[in-house]
């Protein structure tokens, strides 16, 4: 487990004048996300078309695409790239970050209001939880615990946040650490809160495509005093393989106001605490 104390600490093994440019890295990450989204939308594209669309060299395009191939998001053969038709694509952070962004922001704002200064909080690797970052500076001091490399990077910029980074086996497709080492670290900790989001909700149970992901989230769930689920309305329309917990086990379920009223009413009838985040607050 890695502990970060301040936003200005250099990365391990780097001296300040060797550190990469944050703006350049941010542009690279954004470009790769847009490239992945373009390929997913089109299904198949020529690499030459991507160089023209993004105004980059063929070498840069291949470098970006190789990184996406390594994460299992696309396939590349003979000048053609195509979306990988697997559940891994839907589970990937790039895919998830482009879906239901307004709903996720509304849910995340409501979730952040549940945090009290001084608390220790588990944050999972979900893109909905990631949207809580802009609200956390108002909730400090705070101890944040996460397995998400993306979230670790974002939280380092917030003062008065003590960041505990969970290690383990790194998975490119979700940009997070998972596995036995990760869950063992989690089980040695006790937090006040955990914020989770899952891939699907079926028969009042939450599910995920990845068994490793389900195990990691369950370990956080078991190690927190209060458990909060963030679920946009599309989660109630999906199915996934591996169950993690029943909705009744959560202390609060936060949904957006596009969630069907019958779904909300059924949860309330079963004694599940539900909070509805209003999308109009994000416009």
C-alpha atoms as a PDB file:
ATOM      1  CA  UNK A   1       0.000   0.000   0.000  1.00  0.00           C
ATOM      2  CA  UNK A   2       1.341   3.417  -0.983  1.00  0.00           C
ATOM      3  CA  UNK A   3       0.655   6.527   1.071  1.00  0.00           C
ATOM      4  CA  UNK A   4       0.769   9.996  -0.507  1.00  0.00           C
ATOM      5  CA  UNK A   5       0.870  13.078   1.672  1.00  0.00           C
ATOM      6  CA  UNK A   6       0.935  16.072  -0.629  1.00  0.00           C
ATOM      7  CA  UNK A   7       0.186  17.331  -4.136  1.00  0.00           C
ATOM      8  CA  UNK A   8       3.753  18.467  -4.827  1.00  0.00           C
ATOM      9  CA  UNK A   9       5.677  15.278  -4.054  1.00  0.00           C
ATOM     10  CA  UNK A  10       7.658  14.011  -7.074  1.00  0.00           C
ATOM     11  CA  UNK A  11       6.880  10.583  -8.475  1.00  0.00           C
ATOM     12  CA  UNK A  12       9.084   7.816  -7.057  1.00  0.00           C
ATOM     13  CA  UNK A  13      12.359   7.451  -8.962  1.00  0.00           C
ATOM     14  CA  UNK A  14      12.063  10.798 -10.740  1.00  0.00           C
ATOM     15  CA  UNK A  15      13.835  14.028  -9.988  1.00  0.00           C
ATOM     16  CA  UNK A  16      11.791  17.179 -10.698  1.00  0.00           C
ATOM     17  CA  UNK A  17      13.386  18.115 -14.041  1.00  0.00           C
ATOM     18  CA  UNK A  18      12.745  14.590 -15.339  1.00  0.00           C
ATOM     19  CA  UNK A  19       9.035  14.517 -14.550  1.00  0.00           C
ATOM     20  CA  UNK A  20       6.694  14.298 -17.547  1.00  0.00           C
ATOM     21  CA  UNK A  21       4.593  17.291 -18.523  1.00  0.00           C
ATOM     22  CA  UNK A  22       1.182  17.072 -16.866  1.00  0.00           C
ATOM     23  CA  UNK A  23      -0.478  18.958 -19.725  1.00  0.00           C
ATOM     24  CA  UNK A  24       1.098  16.718 -22.345  1.00  0.00           C
ATOM     25  CA  UNK A  25       0.051  13.602 -20.473  1.00  0.00           C
ATOM     26  CA  UNK A  26      -3.467  14.952 -20.027  1.00  0.00           C
ATOM     27  CA  UNK A  27      -3.738  15.622 -23.766  1.00  0.00           C
ATOM     28  CA  UNK A  28      -2.473  12.133 -24.526  1.00  0.00           C
ATOM     29  CA  UNK A  29      -4.994  10.512 -22.176  1.00  0.00           C
ATOM     30  CA  UNK A  30      -7.845  12.591 -23.609  1.00  0.00           C
ATOM     31  CA  UNK A  31      -6.824  11.793 -27.199  1.00  0.00           C
ATOM     32  CA  UNK A  32      -6.650   8.065 -26.520  1.00  0.00           C
ATOM     33  CA  UNK A  33     -10.073   8.146 -24.928  1.00  0.00           C
ATOM     34  CA  UNK A  34     -11.532   9.932 -27.944  1.00  0.00           C
ATOM     35  CA  UNK A  35      -9.816   7.462 -30.286  1.00  0.00           C
ATOM     36  CA  UNK A  36     -11.255   4.513 -28.381  1.00  0.00           C
ATOM     37  CA  UNK A  37     -14.717   6.069 -28.415  1.00  0.00           C
ATOM     38  CA  UNK A  38     -14.468   6.722 -32.158  1.00  0.00           C
ATOM     39  CA  UNK A  39     -13.529   3.120 -32.898  1.00  0.00           C
ATOM     40  CA  UNK A  40     -16.269   1.813 -30.597  1.00  0.00           C
ATOM     41  CA  UNK A  41     -18.824   4.034 -32.329  1.00  0.00           C
ATOM     42  CA  UNK A  42     -17.746   3.087 -35.869  1.00  0.00           C
ATOM     43  CA  UNK A  43     -16.949  -0.547 -35.165  1.00  0.00           C
ATOM     44  CA  UNK A  44     -14.034  -0.527 -37.637  1.00  0.00           C
ATOM     45  CA  UNK A  45     -11.758   2.305 -38.818  1.00  0.00           C
ATOM     46  CA  UNK A  46      -8.618   2.775 -40.894  1.00  0.00           C
ATOM     47  CA  UNK A  47      -5.606   3.991 -38.967  1.00  0.00           C
ATOM     48  CA  UNK A  48      -5.051   6.646 -41.653  1.00  0.00           C
ATOM     49  CA  UNK A  49      -8.523   8.028 -40.927  1.00  0.00           C
ATOM     50  CA  UNK A  50      -7.615   8.342 -37.249  1.00  0.00           C
ATOM     51  CA  UNK A  51      -4.421  10.272 -38.061  1.00  0.00           C
ATOM     52  CA  UNK A  52      -6.464  12.745 -40.109  1.00  0.00           C
ATOM     53  CA  UNK A  53      -9.238  13.072 -37.542  1.00  0.00           C
ATOM     54  CA  UNK A  54      -6.879  13.749 -34.638  1.00  0.00           C
ATOM     55  CA  UNK A  55      -4.121  15.565 -36.534  1.00  0.00           C
ATOM     56  CA  UNK A  56      -1.363  13.200 -35.421  1.00  0.00           C
ATOM     57  CA  UNK A  57       1.459  11.330 -37.118  1.00  0.00           C
ATOM     58  CA  UNK A  58       1.197   7.677 -38.079  1.00  0.00           C
ATOM     59  CA  UNK A  59       3.809   6.829 -35.438  1.00  0.00           C
ATOM     60  CA  UNK A  60       1.827   8.586 -32.711  1.00  0.00           C
ATOM     61  CA  UNK A  61      -1.365   6.865 -33.848  1.00  0.00           C
ATOM     62  CA  UNK A  62       0.272   3.447 -33.638  1.00  0.00           C
ATOM     63  CA  UNK A  63       1.665   4.248 -30.182  1.00  0.00           C
ATOM     64  CA  UNK A  64      -1.765   5.318 -28.928  1.00  0.00           C
ATOM     65  CA  UNK A  65      -3.490   2.341 -30.514  1.00  0.00           C
ATOM     66  CA  UNK A  66      -0.950  -0.117 -29.123  1.00  0.00           C
ATOM     67  CA  UNK A  67      -1.787   1.143 -25.629  1.00  0.00           C
ATOM     68  CA  UNK A  68      -5.501   0.605 -26.299  1.00  0.00           C
ATOM     69  CA  UNK A  69      -4.800  -2.853 -27.726  1.00  0.00           C
ATOM     70  CA  UNK A  70      -2.865  -3.697 -24.565  1.00  0.00           C
ATOM     71  CA  UNK A  71      -5.916  -2.783 -22.513  1.00  0.00           C
ATOM     72  CA  UNK A  72      -8.123  -5.104 -24.540  1.00  0.00           C
ATOM     73  CA  UNK A  73     -10.282  -2.302 -25.937  1.00  0.00           C
ATOM     74  CA  UNK A  74      -9.507  -2.617 -29.633  1.00  0.00           C
ATOM     75  CA  UNK A  75      -7.871  -4.922 -32.179  1.00  0.00           C
ATOM     76  CA  UNK A  76      -5.333  -3.786 -34.783  1.00  0.00           C
ATOM     77  CA  UNK A  77      -4.515  -5.634 -38.005  1.00  0.00           C
ATOM     78  CA  UNK A  78      -3.063  -4.448 -41.340  1.00  0.00           C
ATOM     79  CA  UNK A  79      -3.943  -0.779 -41.025  1.00  0.00           C
ATOM     80  CA  UNK A  80      -7.402  -1.444 -39.610  1.00  0.00           C
ATOM     81  CA  UNK A  81      -8.615  -1.096 -36.015  1.00  0.00           C
ATOM     82  CA  UNK A  82     -11.831  -2.533 -34.628  1.00  0.00           C
ATOM     83  CA  UNK A  83     -13.606  -2.580 -31.279  1.00  0.00           C
ATOM     84  CA  UNK A  84     -13.046  -5.739 -29.270  1.00  0.00           C
ATOM     85  CA  UNK A  85     -16.512  -7.365 -29.033  1.00  0.00           C
ATOM     86  CA  UNK A  86     -16.179  -8.542 -25.440  1.00  0.00           C
ATOM     87  CA  UNK A  87     -17.606  -7.712 -22.030  1.00  0.00           C
ATOM     88  CA  UNK A  88     -14.172  -6.294 -21.223  1.00  0.00           C
ATOM     89  CA  UNK A  89     -14.977  -3.277 -23.392  1.00  0.00           C
ATOM     90  CA  UNK A  90     -18.090  -2.441 -21.385  1.00  0.00           C
ATOM     91  CA  UNK A  91     -16.117  -2.886 -18.174  1.00  0.00           C
ATOM     92  CA  UNK A  92     -13.232  -0.667 -19.287  1.00  0.00           C
ATOM     93  CA  UNK A  93     -12.745   2.757 -17.756  1.00  0.00           C
ATOM     94  CA  UNK A  94     -12.600   4.423 -21.186  1.00  0.00           C
ATOM     95  CA  UNK A  95     -15.972   2.998 -22.198  1.00  0.00           C
ATOM     96  CA  UNK A  96     -17.622   3.698 -18.848  1.00  0.00           C
ATOM     97  CA  UNK A  97     -16.383   7.281 -18.634  1.00  0.00           C
ATOM     98  CA  UNK A  98     -18.219   8.204 -21.838  1.00  0.00           C
ATOM     99  CA  UNK A  99     -21.604   6.876 -20.684  1.00  0.00           C
ATOM    100  CA  UNK A 100     -24.300   8.723 -18.659  1.00  0.00           C
ATOM    101  CA  UNK A 101     -21.920  11.543 -17.731  1.00  0.00           C
ATOM    102  CA  UNK A 102     -24.663  13.953 -16.604  1.00  0.00           C
ATOM    103  CA  UNK A 103     -26.325  11.295 -14.480  1.00  0.00           C
ATOM    104  CA  UNK A 104     -22.996  10.335 -12.913  1.00  0.00           C
ATOM    105  CA  UNK A 105     -22.191  13.945 -12.013  1.00  0.00           C
ATOM    106  CA  UNK A 106     -25.571  14.379 -10.308  1.00  0.00           C
ATOM    107  CA  UNK A 107     -25.202  11.143  -8.344  1.00  0.00           C
ATOM    108  CA  UNK A 108     -21.604  11.954  -7.391  1.00  0.00           C
ATOM    109  CA  UNK A 109     -22.573  15.404  -6.066  1.00  0.00           C
ATOM    110  CA  UNK A 110     -25.232  13.828  -3.858  1.00  0.00           C
ATOM    111  CA  UNK A 111     -22.773  11.176  -2.686  1.00  0.00           C
ATOM    112  CA  UNK A 112     -20.086  13.684  -1.717  1.00  0.00           C
ATOM    113  CA  UNK A 113     -22.544  15.404   0.606  1.00  0.00           C
ATOM    114  CA  UNK A 114     -22.551  12.216   2.718  1.00  0.00           C
ATOM    115  CA  UNK A 115     -18.892  12.724   3.700  1.00  0.00           C
ATOM    116  CA  UNK A 116     -17.980  14.486   6.922  1.00  0.00           C
ATOM    117  CA  UNK A 117     -14.522  16.051   7.420  1.00  0.00           C
ATOM    118  CA  UNK A 118     -12.122  13.770   9.230  1.00  0.00           C
ATOM    119  CA  UNK A 119     -13.555  10.517   7.902  1.00  0.00           C
ATOM    120  CA  UNK A 120     -11.696   7.629   6.268  1.00  0.00           C
ATOM    121  CA  UNK A 121     -13.356   6.611   3.004  1.00  0.00           C
ATOM    122  CA  UNK A 122     -13.004   3.786   0.483  1.00  0.00           C
ATOM    123  CA  UNK A 123     -13.476   4.905  -3.129  1.00  0.00           C
ATOM    124  CA  UNK A 124     -13.738   2.165  -5.756  1.00  0.00           C
ATOM    125  CA  UNK A 125     -12.442   2.428  -9.332  1.00  0.00           C
ATOM    126  CA  UNK A 126     -15.804   3.292 -10.923  1.00  0.00           C
ATOM    127  CA  UNK A 127     -16.221   6.298 -13.189  1.00  0.00           C
ATOM    128  CA  UNK A 128     -19.247   7.409 -11.156  1.00  0.00           C
ATOM    129  CA  UNK A 129     -17.170   7.574  -7.982  1.00  0.00           C
ATOM    130  CA  UNK A 130     -14.457   9.415  -9.945  1.00  0.00           C
ATOM    131  CA  UNK A 131     -16.974  12.231 -10.506  1.00  0.00           C
ATOM    132  CA  UNK A 132     -16.929  12.895  -6.751  1.00  0.00           C
ATOM    133  CA  UNK A 133     -13.422  14.401  -6.987  1.00  0.00           C
ATOM    134  CA  UNK A 134     -14.502  18.032  -7.695  1.00  0.00           C
ATOM    135  CA  UNK A 135     -16.546  18.002  -4.480  1.00  0.00           C
ATOM    136  CA  UNK A 136     -13.971  16.524  -2.119  1.00  0.00           C
ATOM    137  CA  UNK A 137     -11.951  19.695  -1.448  1.00  0.00           C
ATOM    138  CA  UNK A 138     -14.975  20.942   0.508  1.00  0.00           C
ATOM    139  CA  UNK A 139     -14.994  17.794   2.698  1.00  0.00           C
ATOM    140  CA  UNK A 140     -11.386  17.841   3.936  1.00  0.00           C
ATOM    141  CA  UNK A 141      -9.544  16.784   6.022  1.00  0.00           C
ATOM    142  CA  UNK A 142     -10.128  13.354   4.579  1.00  0.00           C
ATOM    143  CA  UNK A 143      -8.391   9.980   4.342  1.00  0.00           C
ATOM    144  CA  UNK A 144      -9.079   8.486   0.914  1.00  0.00           C
ATOM    145  CA  UNK A 145      -8.403   4.811   0.182  1.00  0.00           C
ATOM    146  CA  UNK A 146      -8.622   3.533  -3.401  1.00  0.00           C
ATOM    147  CA  UNK A 147      -7.418   0.880  -5.837  1.00  0.00           C
ATOM    148  CA  UNK A 148      -7.925   3.193  -8.830  1.00  0.00           C
ATOM    149  CA  UNK A 149      -4.781   4.626 -10.381  1.00  0.00           C
ATOM    150  CA  UNK A 150      -6.876   7.313 -12.078  1.00  0.00           C
ATOM    151  CA  UNK A 151      -8.391   8.374  -8.768  1.00  0.00           C
ATOM    152  CA  UNK A 152      -5.002   8.352  -7.039  1.00  0.00           C
ATOM    153  CA  UNK A 153      -3.718  10.810  -9.644  1.00  0.00           C
ATOM    154  CA  UNK A 154      -6.734  13.097  -9.250  1.00  0.00           C
ATOM    155  CA  UNK A 155      -6.688  13.071  -5.441  1.00  0.00           C
ATOM    156  CA  UNK A 156      -3.012  14.004  -5.195  1.00  0.00           C
ATOM    157  CA  UNK A 157      -3.931  17.531  -6.256  1.00  0.00           C
ATOM    158  CA  UNK A 158      -6.275  18.069  -3.282  1.00  0.00           C
ATOM    159  CA  UNK A 159      -4.747  19.492  -0.122  1.00  0.00           C
ATOM    160  CA  UNK A 160      -5.529  17.949   3.271  1.00  0.00           C
ATOM    161  CA  UNK A 161      -6.307  14.570   1.712  1.00  0.00           C
ATOM    162  CA  UNK A 162      -4.278  11.663   3.071  1.00  0.00           C
ATOM    163  CA  UNK A 163      -4.223   9.195   0.195  1.00  0.00           C
ATOM    164  CA  UNK A 164      -3.778   5.464   0.736  1.00  0.00           C
ATOM    165  CA  UNK A 165      -3.157   3.727  -2.595  1.00  0.00           C
ATOM    166  CA  UNK A 166      -4.000   0.024  -2.622  1.00  0.00           C
ATOM    167  CA  UNK A 167      -1.515  -2.149  -4.482  1.00  0.00           C
ATOM    168  CA  UNK A 168      -1.779  -5.592  -6.048  1.00  0.00           C
ATOM    169  CA  UNK A 169      -1.997  -6.772  -9.639  1.00  0.00           C
ATOM    170  CA  UNK A 170      -2.535  -3.901 -12.065  1.00  0.00           C
ATOM    171  CA  UNK A 171      -5.254  -4.351 -14.705  1.00  0.00           C
ATOM    172  CA  UNK A 172      -4.946  -2.087 -17.738  1.00  0.00           C
ATOM    173  CA  UNK A 173      -8.573  -2.400 -18.820  1.00  0.00           C
ATOM    174  CA  UNK A 174      -9.847  -0.661 -15.678  1.00  0.00           C
ATOM    175  CA  UNK A 175      -6.667   1.228 -14.718  1.00  0.00           C
ATOM    176  CA  UNK A 176      -6.884  -0.249 -11.226  1.00  0.00           C
ATOM    177  CA  UNK A 177      -5.317  -2.787  -8.866  1.00  0.00           C
ATOM    178  CA  UNK A 178      -7.171  -5.984  -8.004  1.00  0.00           C
ATOM    179  CA  UNK A 179      -6.551  -9.507  -6.787  1.00  0.00           C
ATOM    180  CA  UNK A 180      -5.551 -11.290  -3.550  1.00  0.00           C
ATOM    181  CA  UNK A 181      -2.895  -8.729  -2.592  1.00  0.00           C
ATOM    182  CA  UNK A 182      -5.389  -5.889  -2.991  1.00  0.00           C
ATOM    183  CA  UNK A 183      -8.140  -7.573  -0.991  1.00  0.00           C
ATOM    184  CA  UNK A 184      -5.673  -8.548   1.759  1.00  0.00           C
ATOM    185  CA  UNK A 185      -4.643  -4.883   2.135  1.00  0.00           C
ATOM    186  CA  UNK A 186      -8.283  -3.804   2.245  1.00  0.00           C
ATOM    187  CA  UNK A 187      -9.168  -6.308   4.972  1.00  0.00           C
ATOM    188  CA  UNK A 188      -6.488  -4.854   7.240  1.00  0.00           C
ATOM    189  CA  UNK A 189      -8.256  -1.487   7.197  1.00  0.00           C
ATOM    190  CA  UNK A 190     -11.475  -0.090   8.656  1.00  0.00           C
ATOM    191  CA  UNK A 191     -13.142   2.929   7.102  1.00  0.00           C
ATOM    192  CA  UNK A 192     -16.138   5.079   7.942  1.00  0.00           C
ATOM    193  CA  UNK A 193     -17.600   4.969   4.433  1.00  0.00           C
ATOM    194  CA  UNK A 194     -17.363   3.157   1.122  1.00  0.00           C
ATOM    195  CA  UNK A 195     -18.656   4.436  -2.211  1.00  0.00           C
ATOM    196  CA  UNK A 196     -19.254   1.754  -4.836  1.00  0.00           C
ATOM    197  CA  UNK A 197     -20.782   1.469  -8.277  1.00  0.00           C
ATOM    198  CA  UNK A 198     -21.509  -1.813 -10.034  1.00  0.00           C
ATOM    199  CA  UNK A 199     -22.139  -2.910 -13.616  1.00  0.00           C
ATOM    200  CA  UNK A 200     -25.661  -4.237 -13.181  1.00  0.00           C
ATOM    201  CA  UNK A 201     -28.566  -4.593 -10.756  1.00  0.00           C
ATOM    202  CA  UNK A 202     -30.814  -7.634 -11.211  1.00  0.00           C
ATOM    203  CA  UNK A 203     -33.443  -8.975  -8.817  1.00  0.00           C
ATOM    204  CA  UNK A 204     -32.257  -6.462  -6.196  1.00  0.00           C
ATOM    205  CA  UNK A 205     -28.700  -7.833  -6.338  1.00  0.00           C
ATOM    206  CA  UNK A 206     -25.633  -5.976  -7.660  1.00  0.00           C
ATOM    207  CA  UNK A 207     -23.397  -7.717 -10.194  1.00  0.00           C
ATOM    208  CA  UNK A 208     -20.161  -7.228 -12.140  1.00  0.00           C
ATOM    209  CA  UNK A 209     -18.629  -8.903 -15.214  1.00  0.00           C
ATOM    210  CA  UNK A 210     -15.262  -9.377 -13.491  1.00  0.00           C
ATOM    211  CA  UNK A 211     -14.973 -11.772 -10.517  1.00  0.00           C
ATOM    212  CA  UNK A 212     -11.779  -9.977  -9.393  1.00  0.00           C
ATOM    213  CA  UNK A 213     -13.614  -6.670  -9.442  1.00  0.00           C
ATOM    214  CA  UNK A 214     -16.546  -8.088  -7.497  1.00  0.00           C
ATOM    215  CA  UNK A 215     -14.154  -9.512  -4.872  1.00  0.00           C
ATOM    216  CA  UNK A 216     -12.304  -6.193  -4.512  1.00  0.00           C
ATOM    217  CA  UNK A 217     -15.488  -4.210  -4.085  1.00  0.00           C
ATOM    218  CA  UNK A 218     -16.839  -6.764  -1.603  1.00  0.00           C
ATOM    219  CA  UNK A 219     -13.683  -6.450   0.497  1.00  0.00           C
ATOM    220  CA  UNK A 220     -14.183  -2.656   0.653  1.00  0.00           C
ATOM    221  CA  UNK A 221     -17.845  -3.222   1.455  1.00  0.00           C
ATOM    222  CA  UNK A 222     -17.028  -5.541   4.362  1.00  0.00           C
ATOM    223  CA  UNK A 223     -14.396  -3.145   5.771  1.00  0.00           C
ATOM    224  CA  UNK A 224     -16.593  -0.024   5.905  1.00  0.00           C
ATOM    225  CA  UNK A 225     -19.045   1.034   8.587  1.00  0.00           C
ATOM    226  CA  UNK A 226     -21.423   2.668   6.099  1.00  0.00           C
ATOM    227  CA  UNK A 227     -21.977   1.416   2.533  1.00  0.00           C
ATOM    228  CA  UNK A 228     -23.281   3.652  -0.258  1.00  0.00           C
ATOM    229  CA  UNK A 229     -24.116   2.438  -3.787  1.00  0.00           C
ATOM    230  CA  UNK A 230     -24.091   4.842  -6.736  1.00  0.00           C
ATOM    231  CA  UNK A 231     -26.324   3.589  -9.567  1.00  0.00           C
ATOM    232  CA  UNK A 232     -27.497   5.470 -12.651  1.00  0.00           C
ATOM    233  CA  UNK A 233     -30.759   4.314 -14.227  1.00  0.00           C
ATOM    234  CA  UNK A 234     -29.098   2.161 -16.904  1.00  0.00           C
ATOM    235  CA  UNK A 235     -27.715  -0.242 -14.270  1.00  0.00           C
ATOM    236  CA  UNK A 236     -31.256  -1.557 -13.735  1.00  0.00           C
ATOM    237  CA  UNK A 237     -31.446  -2.561 -17.423  1.00  0.00           C
ATOM    238  CA  UNK A 238     -28.224  -4.585 -17.555  1.00  0.00           C
ATOM    239  CA  UNK A 239     -27.065  -8.047 -16.580  1.00  0.00           C
ATOM    240  CA  UNK A 240     -23.682  -9.297 -15.391  1.00  0.00           C
ATOM    241  CA  UNK A 241     -22.395 -12.631 -14.127  1.00  0.00           C
ATOM    242  CA  UNK A 242     -20.889 -12.232 -10.652  1.00  0.00           C
ATOM    243  CA  UNK A 243     -23.029 -11.169  -7.674  1.00  0.00           C
ATOM    244  CA  UNK A 244     -21.496  -8.983  -4.970  1.00  0.00           C
ATOM    245  CA  UNK A 245     -24.262  -7.988  -2.536  1.00  0.00           C
ATOM    246  CA  UNK A 246     -27.993  -7.479  -2.105  1.00  0.00           C
ATOM    247  CA  UNK A 247     -29.362  -3.955  -2.269  1.00  0.00           C
ATOM    248  CA  UNK A 248     -30.718  -4.391   1.269  1.00  0.00           C
ATOM    249  CA  UNK A 249     -27.139  -4.640   2.539  1.00  0.00           C
ATOM    250  CA  UNK A 250     -26.371  -1.052   1.509  1.00  0.00           C
ATOM    251  CA  UNK A 251     -27.102   1.799   3.886  1.00  0.00           C
ATOM    252  CA  UNK A 252     -28.012   4.070   0.975  1.00  0.00           C
ATOM    253  CA  UNK A 253     -28.591   3.705  -2.768  1.00  0.00           C
ATOM    254  CA  UNK A 254     -28.261   6.923  -4.793  1.00  0.00           C
ATOM    255  CA  UNK A 255     -29.935   6.918  -8.225  1.00  0.00           C
ATOM    256  CA  UNK A 256     -30.728   9.579 -10.821  1.00  0.00           C
ATOM    257  CA  UNK A 257     -34.223  10.846 -11.563  1.00  0.00           C
ATOM    258  CA  UNK A 258     -34.421   8.924 -14.851  1.00  0.00           C
ATOM    259  CA  UNK A 259     -34.715   5.736 -12.833  1.00  0.00           C
ATOM    260  CA  UNK A 260     -38.242   4.316 -13.379  1.00  0.00           C
ATOM    261  CA  UNK A 261     -40.551   5.215 -10.466  1.00  0.00           C
ATOM    262  CA  UNK A 262     -41.628   1.563 -10.175  1.00  0.00           C
ATOM    263  CA  UNK A 263     -37.984   0.591  -9.530  1.00  0.00           C
ATOM    264  CA  UNK A 264     -37.577   3.246  -6.850  1.00  0.00           C
ATOM    265  CA  UNK A 265     -40.893   2.321  -5.232  1.00  0.00           C
ATOM    266  CA  UNK A 266     -40.002  -1.385  -5.184  1.00  0.00           C
ATOM    267  CA  UNK A 267     -36.730  -0.648  -3.420  1.00  0.00           C
ATOM    268  CA  UNK A 268     -38.429   1.538  -0.843  1.00  0.00           C
ATOM    269  CA  UNK A 269     -41.081  -1.127  -0.245  1.00  0.00           C
ATOM    270  CA  UNK A 270     -38.285  -3.579   0.559  1.00  0.00           C
ATOM    271  CA  UNK A 271     -36.867  -1.202   3.133  1.00  0.00           C
ATOM    272  CA  UNK A 272     -33.954   0.004   0.973  1.00  0.00           C
ATOM    273  CA  UNK A 273     -32.934   3.616   1.631  1.00  0.00           C
ATOM    274  CA  UNK A 274     -33.001   5.441  -1.711  1.00  0.00           C
ATOM    275  CA  UNK A 275     -31.937   8.986  -2.597  1.00  0.00           C
ATOM    276  CA  UNK A 276     -32.792  10.464  -5.994  1.00  0.00           C
ATOM    277  CA  UNK A 277     -30.256  12.888  -7.514  1.00  0.00           C
ATOM    278  CA  UNK A 278     -31.815  15.550  -9.745  1.00  0.00           C
ATOM    279  CA  UNK A 279     -30.276  15.980 -13.188  1.00  0.00           C
ATOM    280  CA  UNK A 280     -31.491  19.555 -13.416  1.00  0.00           C
ATOM    281  CA  UNK A 281     -28.943  20.478 -10.764  1.00  0.00           C
ATOM    282  CA  UNK A 282     -26.175  19.660 -13.291  1.00  0.00           C
ATOM    283  CA  UNK A 283     -27.458  21.931 -16.075  1.00  0.00           C
END
